[in-house]
N, C-alpha and C. Protein backbone atom coordinates (compact mmCIF):
# COMPACT_ATOMS: atom_id res chain seq x y z
N MET A 1 22.21 -4.82 -5.83
CA MET A 1 20.92 -4.54 -4.59
C MET A 1 20.22 -3.41 -4.83
N ASN A 2 20.71 -2.28 -5.16
CA ASN A 2 19.96 -0.82 -5.61
C ASN A 2 18.97 -1.19 -6.48
N ASN A 3 19.30 -2.00 -7.77
CA ASN A 3 18.56 -1.99 -8.87
C ASN A 3 17.36 -2.86 -8.33
N ILE A 4 17.60 -3.74 -7.55
CA ILE A 4 16.56 -4.48 -7.18
C ILE A 4 15.41 -3.82 -6.32
N LYS A 5 15.92 -2.85 -5.53
CA LYS A 5 15.09 -2.07 -4.79
C LYS A 5 14.22 -1.05 -5.71
N ARG A 6 14.90 -0.58 -6.78
CA ARG A 6 14.09 0.15 -7.60
C ARG A 6 13.20 -0.51 -8.26
N TYR A 7 13.32 -1.77 -8.82
CA TYR A 7 12.41 -2.60 -9.14
C TYR A 7 11.28 -2.53 -8.37
N ALA A 8 11.40 -3.41 -7.09
CA ALA A 8 10.43 -3.46 -6.26
C ALA A 8 9.73 -2.14 -5.88
N GLY A 9 10.24 -0.93 -6.07
CA GLY A 9 9.44 0.31 -5.87
C GLY A 9 8.37 0.41 -7.14
N ILE A 10 8.70 -0.12 -8.48
CA ILE A 10 7.71 -0.08 -9.51
C ILE A 10 6.63 -1.11 -8.99
N ILE A 11 6.97 -2.40 -8.58
CA ILE A 11 5.85 -3.38 -8.12
C ILE A 11 5.02 -2.49 -6.86
N TRP A 12 5.82 -1.89 -5.99
CA TRP A 12 4.85 -1.60 -4.86
C TRP A 12 3.89 -0.54 -5.34
N MET A 13 4.61 0.36 -6.25
CA MET A 13 3.45 1.42 -6.82
C MET A 13 2.18 0.62 -7.36
N LEU A 14 2.63 -0.06 -8.31
CA LEU A 14 1.69 -0.99 -9.03
C LEU A 14 0.75 -1.55 -7.91
N MET A 15 1.19 -2.21 -6.79
CA MET A 15 0.27 -3.14 -6.27
C MET A 15 -0.75 -2.02 -5.44
N GLY A 16 -0.42 -0.97 -4.96
CA GLY A 16 -1.22 0.00 -4.36
C GLY A 16 -2.63 0.11 -5.00
N PRO A 17 -2.79 0.70 -6.12
CA PRO A 17 -3.97 0.79 -6.94
C PRO A 17 -4.79 -0.46 -7.18
N VAL A 18 -3.75 -1.72 -7.53
CA VAL A 18 -4.58 -2.95 -7.70
C VAL A 18 -5.21 -3.23 -6.36
N ALA A 19 -4.50 -3.47 -5.30
CA ALA A 19 -4.99 -3.72 -4.01
C ALA A 19 -6.46 -3.00 -3.58
N ILE A 20 -6.63 -1.87 -3.82
CA ILE A 20 -7.60 -0.79 -3.84
C ILE A 20 -8.57 -1.09 -4.52
N TYR A 21 -8.50 -1.67 -5.68
CA TYR A 21 -9.44 -1.98 -6.77
C TYR A 21 -10.02 -3.39 -6.30
N TYR A 22 -9.27 -4.39 -5.94
CA TYR A 22 -9.67 -5.28 -5.39
C TYR A 22 -10.36 -5.34 -4.30
N LEU A 23 -9.84 -4.70 -3.36
CA LEU A 23 -10.70 -4.45 -1.96
C LEU A 23 -12.31 -3.96 -2.41
N ILE A 24 -12.09 -2.84 -3.21
CA ILE A 24 -13.35 -2.28 -3.28
C ILE A 24 -14.28 -3.38 -3.92
N LYS A 25 -13.77 -4.01 -4.99
CA LYS A 25 -14.70 -4.97 -5.91
C LYS A 25 -15.06 -6.27 -4.69
N THR A 26 -14.15 -6.73 -4.20
CA THR A 26 -14.52 -7.89 -3.00
C THR A 26 -15.60 -7.10 -2.08
N ALA A 27 -15.68 -5.93 -1.73
CA ALA A 27 -16.41 -5.36 -0.80
C ALA A 27 -18.00 -4.96 -1.30
N LEU A 28 -17.89 -4.67 -2.27
CA LEU A 28 -19.38 -4.42 -3.24
C LEU A 28 -19.89 -5.87 -3.58
N ALA A 29 -18.95 -6.83 -3.70
CA ALA A 29 -19.80 -8.36 -4.23
C ALA A 29 -20.19 -8.68 -2.56
N GLU A 30 -19.51 -8.45 -1.62
CA GLU A 30 -20.23 -9.18 -0.11
C GLU A 30 -21.41 -8.28 0.37
N ILE A 31 -21.19 -7.03 0.01
CA ILE A 31 -22.17 -6.00 0.20
C ILE A 31 -23.82 -6.51 -0.54
N ALA A 32 -23.41 -6.90 -1.59
CA ALA A 32 -24.35 -7.40 -2.55
C ALA A 32 -24.92 -8.74 -2.16
N LYS A 33 -24.06 -9.57 -1.77
CA LYS A 33 -24.40 -10.92 -1.53
C LYS A 33 -25.60 -10.95 -0.12
N LYS A 34 -25.11 -10.12 0.80
CA LYS A 34 -25.91 -10.07 2.45
C LYS A 34 -25.84 -8.36 2.45
N PRO A 35 -26.96 -7.97 1.95
CA PRO A 35 -27.25 -6.37 2.11
C PRO A 35 -27.70 -5.92 3.58
N VAL A 36 -26.89 -6.39 4.59
CA VAL A 36 -27.51 -6.03 5.85
C VAL A 36 -26.38 -4.92 6.51
N ILE A 37 -26.93 -4.15 7.35
CA ILE A 37 -26.34 -3.17 8.02
C ILE A 37 -24.77 -3.45 8.52
N ASP A 38 -24.89 -4.61 9.15
CA ASP A 38 -23.54 -5.24 9.75
C ASP A 38 -22.73 -5.32 8.75
N THR A 39 -22.91 -6.23 7.54
CA THR A 39 -21.89 -6.25 6.43
C THR A 39 -21.61 -4.98 5.77
N LYS A 40 -22.58 -3.95 5.70
CA LYS A 40 -21.86 -2.64 5.11
C LYS A 40 -21.26 -1.83 5.95
N ILE A 41 -21.37 -2.09 7.74
CA ILE A 41 -20.34 -1.51 8.38
C ILE A 41 -19.06 -1.94 8.15
N GLN A 42 -18.77 -3.53 8.26
CA GLN A 42 -17.56 -4.07 8.29
C GLN A 42 -17.00 -3.75 7.24
N TRP A 43 -17.47 -3.80 6.01
CA TRP A 43 -16.69 -3.62 4.77
C TRP A 43 -16.18 -1.91 4.82
N SER A 44 -17.10 -1.03 5.04
CA SER A 44 -16.64 0.00 5.03
C SER A 44 -15.60 0.32 5.80
N VAL A 45 -15.36 -0.10 6.87
CA VAL A 45 -14.36 0.07 7.57
C VAL A 45 -12.94 -0.65 7.26
N PHE A 46 -12.85 -1.69 6.75
CA PHE A 46 -12.14 -2.23 6.08
C PHE A 46 -11.79 -1.44 4.78
N VAL A 47 -12.30 -0.90 4.15
CA VAL A 47 -12.06 -0.19 2.87
C VAL A 47 -11.37 1.25 3.49
N ILE A 48 -11.87 1.88 4.21
CA ILE A 48 -11.55 2.96 5.14
C ILE A 48 -9.98 2.61 5.83
N VAL A 49 -10.16 1.67 6.27
CA VAL A 49 -8.52 1.60 6.90
C VAL A 49 -7.43 1.20 5.82
N PHE A 50 -7.92 0.38 4.75
CA PHE A 50 -7.25 -0.19 3.89
C PHE A 50 -6.43 0.64 3.07
N ILE A 51 -7.26 1.90 2.50
CA ILE A 51 -6.97 3.20 1.50
C ILE A 51 -5.87 3.89 1.78
N PRO A 52 -5.42 4.53 3.17
CA PRO A 52 -4.49 4.76 3.52
C PRO A 52 -3.16 3.96 3.43
N ILE A 53 -3.27 2.59 3.89
CA ILE A 53 -2.41 1.71 3.73
C ILE A 53 -1.80 1.47 2.29
N ALA A 54 -2.55 1.64 1.66
CA ALA A 54 -2.19 1.25 -0.01
C ALA A 54 -1.62 2.35 -0.50
N ILE A 55 -1.91 3.54 -0.02
CA ILE A 55 -1.40 4.98 -0.44
C ILE A 55 0.11 4.88 0.17
N GLY A 56 0.07 4.58 1.44
CA GLY A 56 1.66 4.70 1.96
C GLY A 56 2.47 3.68 1.18
N LEU A 57 1.91 2.46 0.65
CA LEU A 57 2.60 1.77 0.24
C LEU A 57 3.21 2.26 -1.43
N MET A 58 2.20 3.11 -1.97
CA MET A 58 2.35 3.76 -3.19
C MET A 58 3.77 4.86 -2.88
N ILE A 59 3.73 5.55 -1.87
CA ILE A 59 4.63 6.50 -1.41
C ILE A 59 5.88 5.75 -1.22
N PHE A 60 5.89 4.43 -0.65
CA PHE A 60 7.04 3.72 -0.07
C PHE A 60 7.69 3.32 -1.37
N GLY A 61 6.93 2.95 -2.45
CA GLY A 61 7.28 2.59 -3.83
C GLY A 61 8.26 3.66 -4.56
N TYR A 62 7.79 4.88 -4.48
CA TYR A 62 7.97 5.88 -5.06
C TYR A 62 9.60 6.38 -4.68
N TYR A 63 9.50 6.41 -3.41
CA TYR A 63 10.56 6.70 -2.56
C TYR A 63 11.72 5.56 -3.15
N ALA A 64 11.40 4.44 -3.22
CA ALA A 64 12.38 3.02 -3.46
C ALA A 64 12.54 3.28 -5.20
N LEU A 65 11.94 3.68 -5.81
CA LEU A 65 12.20 4.06 -7.19
C LEU A 65 13.15 5.30 -7.42
N LYS A 66 12.83 6.16 -6.63
CA LYS A 66 13.60 7.44 -6.67
C LYS A 66 14.98 7.34 -6.27
N GLY A 67 15.25 6.03 -5.45
CA GLY A 67 16.70 5.92 -5.03
C GLY A 67 16.96 6.28 -3.54
N GLU A 68 15.84 6.49 -3.01
CA GLU A 68 16.10 7.16 -1.41
C GLU A 68 16.50 6.25 -0.43
N TYR A 69 16.37 4.89 -0.86
CA TYR A 69 17.01 3.48 0.09
C TYR A 69 18.31 3.36 -0.39
N ASP A 70 19.08 3.65 -1.11
CA ASP A 70 20.19 3.49 -1.85
C ASP A 70 21.38 3.15 -0.70
N HIS A 71 21.22 4.05 0.38
CA HIS A 71 22.39 3.95 1.21
C HIS A 71 21.58 3.97 2.50
N LEU A 72 21.55 2.89 2.96
CA LEU A 72 21.15 2.69 4.50
C LEU A 72 22.05 2.78 5.45
N PRO A 73 22.21 3.61 6.49
CA PRO A 73 23.09 3.85 7.49
C PRO A 73 23.26 2.38 8.57
N LYS A 74 24.44 2.26 8.54
CA LYS A 74 24.88 1.13 9.38
C LYS A 74 24.69 1.16 11.00
N SER A 75 25.07 2.28 11.34
CA SER A 75 25.06 2.77 12.69
C SER A 75 24.39 4.06 12.73
N SER A 76 24.15 4.42 14.22
CA SER A 76 23.26 5.68 14.43
C SER A 76 24.50 7.06 13.88
N ALA A 77 25.79 6.91 13.95
CA ALA A 77 26.57 7.61 13.63
C ALA A 77 26.64 8.20 12.25
N GLU A 78 26.09 7.65 11.35
CA GLU A 78 25.90 8.00 10.30
C GLU A 78 24.48 8.57 9.77
N ILE A 79 24.01 8.67 10.85
CA ILE A 79 22.56 9.36 10.36
C ILE A 79 22.62 10.90 10.17
N GLU A 80 22.20 11.40 9.55
CA GLU A 80 22.47 12.93 8.96
C GLU A 80 20.92 13.35 9.04
N ASP A 81 20.69 14.83 9.27
CA ASP A 81 19.51 15.33 9.46
C ASP A 81 19.14 16.14 8.17
């Protein structure tokens, strides 16, 4: 199971930049199709909100690849600071 988590970490790390690329590509295409201020604002908000989410996805993948999620606590008594 730990190997699956690590392979999934690689996938998550790759999904972040790919998602950002397609988001920006789609935003530019939609703005070019209908260049009104409403469309520009809408897609700017989408891009601004989604980029930190994609960066978080890459960070999550990095920690999964590093093995930080190999042992997950089963109860609150196992949690260490």
